[in-house]
Amino acid sequence: MIPKDHPRYRSLIIRERIIEGFRRGIVSEAGLIAHGRGECFDYLLGEKTHPFAEEAMRAAVAMMKLALRPVISVNGNAAALVPKELVELSKILNAPLEVNIFYRTEERVQRIAERLREHGADEILGTDPAFRVELENISHARRYVDRRGIYMADVVLIPLEDGDRTEKLVEMGKKTIAIDLNPLSRTAQKAHITIVDNIVRAMPRMIEIAKEMDEEEAKRVLENYDNKRVLAEAIRTINKRLEELSRRIF
């Protein structure tokens, strides 16, 4: 039991969700490491949502609202941390959920799908081998996508993604939206829109934005969005925080 007055309470609660996901066979061993890396960057960001992340969230929702075939890619960590929010955003934006994982076993795919169904998901793509398509020039298991989903999509939300497939999706002409706490990662650098924020803060806020934004606003938001500027601001924010912390010490 984590006491609520613990200074790291929220971070530790999130960590417990990942551990529970691992015990349920949803999160891979490597997913635990990936979460720890993200936790480090969240600490550097002050564990809060910054204006540059809010701007990216609005652009992400706008892009999905204007898309013809938006899809939300789901891996183990995302399913462990924000299953309810993934399902809700999927329904609001009419963007199907597709299970896509790096360390792939059919059992783990089904467990992630089950986790999403527990939180109200209906059809979940990426679970039926009959619709499986293999992307070229990717050696790991994330090359497998659903013909009805990511393969046909024009916009893909790729929270907690790997760089290889992000590059491939961009190469295929798809617009990509990343949620990544590390603004220096290949995923963050290659995506068309990068939300540098913790997924547990980003997803609820994106749901609020999606409920409020109309098509005209979506067009205006996208016209003024610059992902390079957003990434630069994220890096400057981390640098500024490190300088402030160093001054406190010295």
Protein backbone atom coordinates (compact mmCIF):
# COMPACT_ATOMS: atom_id res chain seq x y z
CA MET A 1 0.00 0.00 0.00
CA ILE A 2 1.51 3.31 -1.11
CA PRO A 3 0.65 6.17 1.29
CA LYS A 4 -0.96 9.16 -0.44
CA ASP A 5 1.42 11.56 1.29
CA HIS A 6 4.42 9.89 -0.34
CA PRO A 7 6.21 12.54 -2.48
CA ARG A 8 6.33 10.09 -5.39
CA TYR A 9 2.78 8.80 -4.94
CA ARG A 10 1.47 9.32 -8.49
CA SER A 11 4.62 8.01 -10.10
CA LEU A 12 4.58 4.91 -7.90
CA ILE A 13 0.90 4.25 -8.66
CA ILE A 14 1.66 4.37 -12.38
CA ARG A 15 4.58 2.01 -11.80
CA GLU A 16 2.23 -0.41 -10.03
CA ARG A 17 -0.05 -0.46 -13.09
CA ILE A 18 2.89 -1.49 -15.25
CA ILE A 19 3.87 -4.21 -12.78
CA GLU A 20 0.29 -5.50 -12.72
CA GLY A 21 0.33 -5.53 -16.52
CA PHE A 22 3.51 -7.57 -16.48
CA ARG A 23 2.00 -10.09 -14.06
CA ARG A 24 -1.04 -10.41 -16.33
CA GLY A 25 1.12 -11.10 -19.36
CA ILE A 26 0.28 -7.79 -21.03
CA VAL A 27 3.58 -5.97 -20.53
CA SER A 28 6.86 -7.55 -21.65
CA GLU A 29 10.04 -7.59 -19.56
CA ALA A 30 11.50 -4.98 -21.90
CA GLY A 31 8.37 -2.91 -21.36
CA LEU A 32 9.34 -2.53 -17.70
CA ILE A 33 12.68 -1.09 -18.78
CA ALA A 34 11.01 1.21 -21.31
CA HIS A 35 8.69 2.53 -18.63
CA GLY A 36 11.64 3.30 -16.36
CA ARG A 37 13.31 5.25 -19.15
CA GLY A 38 10.14 7.27 -19.70
CA GLU A 39 9.80 7.86 -15.97
CA CYS A 40 13.25 9.44 -16.01
CA PHE A 41 12.27 11.91 -18.74
CA ASP A 42 9.01 12.67 -16.95
CA TYR A 43 11.03 13.63 -13.89
CA LEU A 44 13.15 15.95 -16.03
CA LEU A 45 9.92 17.55 -17.29
CA GLY A 46 8.73 18.11 -13.73
CA GLU A 47 6.02 15.45 -14.06
CA LYS A 48 3.55 17.91 -15.53
CA THR A 49 1.99 18.78 -18.86
CA HIS A 50 3.65 21.76 -20.55
CA PRO A 51 2.13 24.16 -23.11
CA PHE A 52 4.10 22.55 -25.96
CA ALA A 53 2.51 19.19 -25.10
CA GLU A 54 -0.95 20.75 -24.98
CA GLU A 55 -0.32 22.27 -28.42
CA ALA A 56 0.72 18.87 -29.79
CA MET A 57 -2.35 17.19 -28.27
CA ARG A 58 -4.64 19.67 -30.00
CA ALA A 59 -2.86 19.08 -33.31
CA ALA A 60 -3.08 15.31 -32.80
CA VAL A 61 -6.81 15.40 -32.20
CA ALA A 62 -7.25 17.75 -35.16
CA MET A 63 -5.33 15.42 -37.46
CA MET A 64 -7.39 12.42 -36.36
CA LYS A 65 -10.66 14.31 -36.70
CA LEU A 66 -9.83 15.25 -40.29
CA ALA A 67 -8.50 11.80 -41.20
CA LEU A 68 -10.39 9.40 -43.45
CA ARG A 69 -9.12 6.23 -41.74
CA PRO A 70 -7.49 6.99 -38.37
CA VAL A 71 -6.22 4.05 -36.29
CA ILE A 72 -4.86 3.81 -32.74
CA SER A 73 -1.97 1.36 -32.31
CA VAL A 74 -1.88 -0.31 -28.88
CA ASN A 75 1.07 -2.03 -27.23
CA GLY A 76 1.34 -3.68 -23.81
CA ASN A 77 2.41 -0.63 -21.83
CA ALA A 78 -0.38 1.53 -23.27
CA ALA A 79 -2.95 -1.18 -22.53
CA ALA A 80 -1.68 -1.50 -18.97
CA LEU A 81 -1.69 2.24 -18.26
CA VAL A 82 -4.69 3.75 -20.10
CA PRO A 83 -7.05 1.03 -21.41
CA LYS A 84 -10.23 2.95 -20.58
CA GLU A 85 -8.94 6.13 -22.20
CA LEU A 86 -7.80 4.31 -25.34
CA VAL A 87 -11.28 2.85 -25.78
CA GLU A 88 -13.01 6.17 -25.14
CA LEU A 89 -10.82 8.12 -27.57
CA SER A 90 -11.27 5.36 -30.16
CA LYS A 91 -15.03 5.74 -29.98
CA ILE A 92 -15.06 9.55 -30.02
CA LEU A 93 -12.78 9.78 -33.07
CA ASN A 94 -14.06 6.65 -34.79
CA ALA A 95 -10.50 5.32 -34.81
CA PRO A 96 -10.23 1.51 -34.45
CA LEU A 97 -7.83 0.03 -31.91
CA GLU A 98 -5.16 -2.29 -33.30
CA VAL A 99 -2.89 -4.42 -31.11
CA ASN A 100 0.69 -4.17 -32.33
CA ILE A 101 3.64 -5.28 -30.19
CA PHE A 102 7.40 -5.69 -30.51
CA TYR A 103 7.80 -8.82 -28.35
CA ARG A 104 4.95 -10.69 -29.95
CA THR A 105 3.25 -13.90 -28.91
CA GLU A 106 -0.33 -14.74 -29.86
CA GLU A 107 -1.13 -15.24 -26.18
CA ARG A 108 0.06 -11.76 -25.33
CA VAL A 109 -1.89 -10.24 -28.24
CA GLN A 110 -5.07 -11.87 -26.94
CA ARG A 111 -4.41 -10.73 -23.37
CA ILE A 112 -4.02 -7.13 -24.51
CA ALA A 113 -7.25 -7.44 -26.49
CA GLU A 114 -8.97 -8.88 -23.43
CA ARG A 115 -7.75 -5.93 -21.35
CA LEU A 116 -9.29 -3.52 -23.85
CA ARG A 117 -12.57 -5.44 -23.93
CA GLU A 118 -12.74 -5.24 -20.14
CA HIS A 119 -12.90 -1.47 -20.60
CA GLY A 120 -15.58 -1.42 -23.26
CA ALA A 121 -13.82 -2.11 -26.57
CA ASP A 122 -15.84 -3.89 -29.25
CA GLU A 123 -13.89 -4.94 -32.33
CA ILE A 124 -10.13 -4.99 -31.86
CA LEU A 125 -7.88 -5.28 -34.89
CA GLY A 126 -4.55 -7.08 -35.05
CA THR A 127 -5.83 -10.25 -33.41
CA ASP A 128 -6.96 -12.29 -36.43
CA PRO A 129 -4.18 -13.92 -38.52
CA ALA A 130 -6.53 -13.98 -41.52
CA PHE A 131 -6.14 -10.21 -41.91
CA ARG A 132 -2.42 -10.03 -41.17
CA VAL A 133 -0.12 -8.17 -43.57
CA GLU A 134 3.66 -8.07 -43.32
CA LEU A 135 5.42 -4.74 -43.84
CA GLU A 136 8.65 -4.88 -45.82
CA ASN A 137 12.11 -4.13 -44.44
CA ILE A 138 11.23 -4.57 -40.76
CA SER A 139 12.78 -7.65 -39.15
CA HIS A 140 10.89 -7.64 -35.84
CA ALA A 141 7.31 -8.59 -35.03
CA ARG A 142 5.92 -5.08 -35.35
CA ARG A 143 6.04 -5.63 -39.11
CA TYR A 144 2.71 -7.46 -38.79
CA VAL A 145 -0.27 -5.14 -39.20
CA ASP A 146 -3.97 -5.62 -39.84
CA ARG A 147 -5.14 -5.17 -43.44
CA ARG A 148 -8.29 -3.42 -42.16
CA GLY A 149 -6.39 -1.12 -39.79
CA ILE A 150 -2.87 0.26 -39.86
CA TYR A 151 -2.22 -1.07 -43.36
CA MET A 152 -5.11 1.02 -44.78
CA ALA A 153 -4.89 3.95 -42.37
CA ASP A 154 -3.99 7.49 -43.35
CA VAL A 155 -3.30 8.60 -39.76
CA VAL A 156 -1.91 6.38 -36.99
CA LEU A 157 -1.65 7.29 -33.31
CA ILE A 158 1.42 5.40 -32.07
CA PRO A 159 1.77 5.83 -28.31
CA LEU A 160 4.95 4.32 -26.81
CA GLU A 161 6.18 3.23 -30.23
CA ASP A 162 9.54 2.03 -31.59
CA GLY A 163 11.52 4.03 -34.12
CA ASP A 164 11.76 1.35 -36.83
CA ARG A 165 8.05 1.14 -37.44
CA THR A 166 7.54 4.87 -37.09
CA GLU A 167 10.02 5.38 -39.92
CA LYS A 168 8.29 2.69 -41.98
CA LEU A 169 4.83 4.18 -41.50
CA VAL A 170 6.11 7.59 -42.53
CA GLU A 171 7.81 6.03 -45.55
CA MET A 172 4.45 4.48 -46.51
CA GLY A 173 2.89 7.94 -46.60
CA LYS A 174 0.97 7.71 -43.34
CA LYS A 175 0.71 10.60 -40.89
CA THR A 176 1.98 9.53 -37.49
CA ILE A 177 1.24 10.87 -34.02
CA ALA A 178 3.59 9.85 -31.21
CA ILE A 179 3.23 10.06 -27.45
CA ASP A 180 6.79 9.90 -26.18
CA LEU A 181 8.40 11.41 -23.08
CA ASN A 182 11.79 11.41 -24.79
CA PRO A 183 11.95 14.22 -27.37
CA LEU A 184 15.28 12.84 -28.63
CA SER A 185 14.01 9.38 -29.59
CA ARG A 186 13.75 8.32 -33.24
CA THR A 187 10.00 8.00 -32.79
CA ALA A 188 9.69 11.56 -31.49
CA GLN A 189 11.95 12.92 -34.22
CA LYS A 190 10.30 11.06 -37.11
CA ALA A 191 6.62 11.45 -36.19
CA HIS A 192 4.56 14.23 -37.78
CA ILE A 193 3.16 15.20 -34.38
CA THR A 194 4.95 14.39 -31.11
CA ILE A 195 3.26 14.73 -27.74
CA VAL A 196 6.11 14.95 -25.21
CA ASP A 197 4.12 14.02 -22.14
CA ASN A 198 3.17 11.08 -19.97
CA ILE A 199 0.47 9.00 -21.63
CA VAL A 200 -1.54 8.95 -18.38
CA ARG A 201 -1.87 12.74 -18.61
CA ALA A 202 -2.07 13.02 -22.39
CA MET A 203 -4.90 10.59 -23.07
CA PRO A 204 -7.51 12.12 -20.70
CA ARG A 205 -6.70 15.58 -22.04
CA MET A 206 -6.99 14.39 -25.66
CA ILE A 207 -10.43 13.01 -24.85
CA GLU A 208 -11.51 16.42 -23.53
CA ILE A 209 -10.16 18.15 -26.63
CA ALA A 210 -11.83 15.64 -28.95
CA LYS A 211 -15.20 16.31 -27.34
CA GLU A 212 -14.84 20.07 -27.85
CA MET A 213 -13.09 20.48 -31.21
CA ASP A 214 -15.06 20.90 -34.43
CA GLU A 215 -13.80 20.47 -37.99
CA GLU A 216 -13.16 24.16 -38.62
CA GLU A 217 -11.05 24.50 -35.50
CA ALA A 218 -9.21 21.31 -36.43
CA LYS A 219 -8.21 22.85 -39.77
CA ARG A 220 -6.97 26.05 -38.09
CA VAL A 221 -4.95 24.10 -35.52
CA LEU A 222 -3.17 22.01 -38.14
CA GLU A 223 -2.37 25.02 -40.33
CA ASN A 224 -0.37 26.60 -37.50
CA TYR A 225 1.35 23.51 -36.11
CA ASP A 226 5.13 23.01 -36.33
CA ASN A 227 6.45 19.79 -34.79
CA LYS A 228 10.10 20.82 -34.96
CA ARG A 229 9.32 23.90 -32.91
CA VAL A 230 7.44 21.78 -30.36
CA LEU A 231 10.34 19.32 -30.04
CA ALA A 232 12.80 22.18 -29.65
CA GLU A 233 10.67 23.68 -26.90
CA ALA A 234 10.53 20.33 -25.09
CA ILE A 235 14.32 20.04 -25.18
CA ARG A 236 14.74 23.64 -24.00
CA THR A 237 12.34 22.96 -21.13
CA ILE A 238 14.36 19.94 -19.98
CA ASN A 239 17.57 21.95 -20.26
CA LYS A 240 16.09 24.84 -18.28
CA ARG A 241 14.90 22.51 -15.54
CA LEU A 242 18.34 20.90 -15.27
CA GLU A 243 19.94 24.34 -14.96
CA GLU A 244 17.48 25.29 -12.22
CA LEU A 245 18.15 22.06 -10.33
CA SER A 246 21.90 22.54 -10.60
CA ARG A 247 21.64 26.07 -9.18
CA ARG A 248 19.74 24.73 -6.18
CA ILE A 249 22.61 22.38 -5.46
CA PHE A 250 25.44 24.86 -6.01
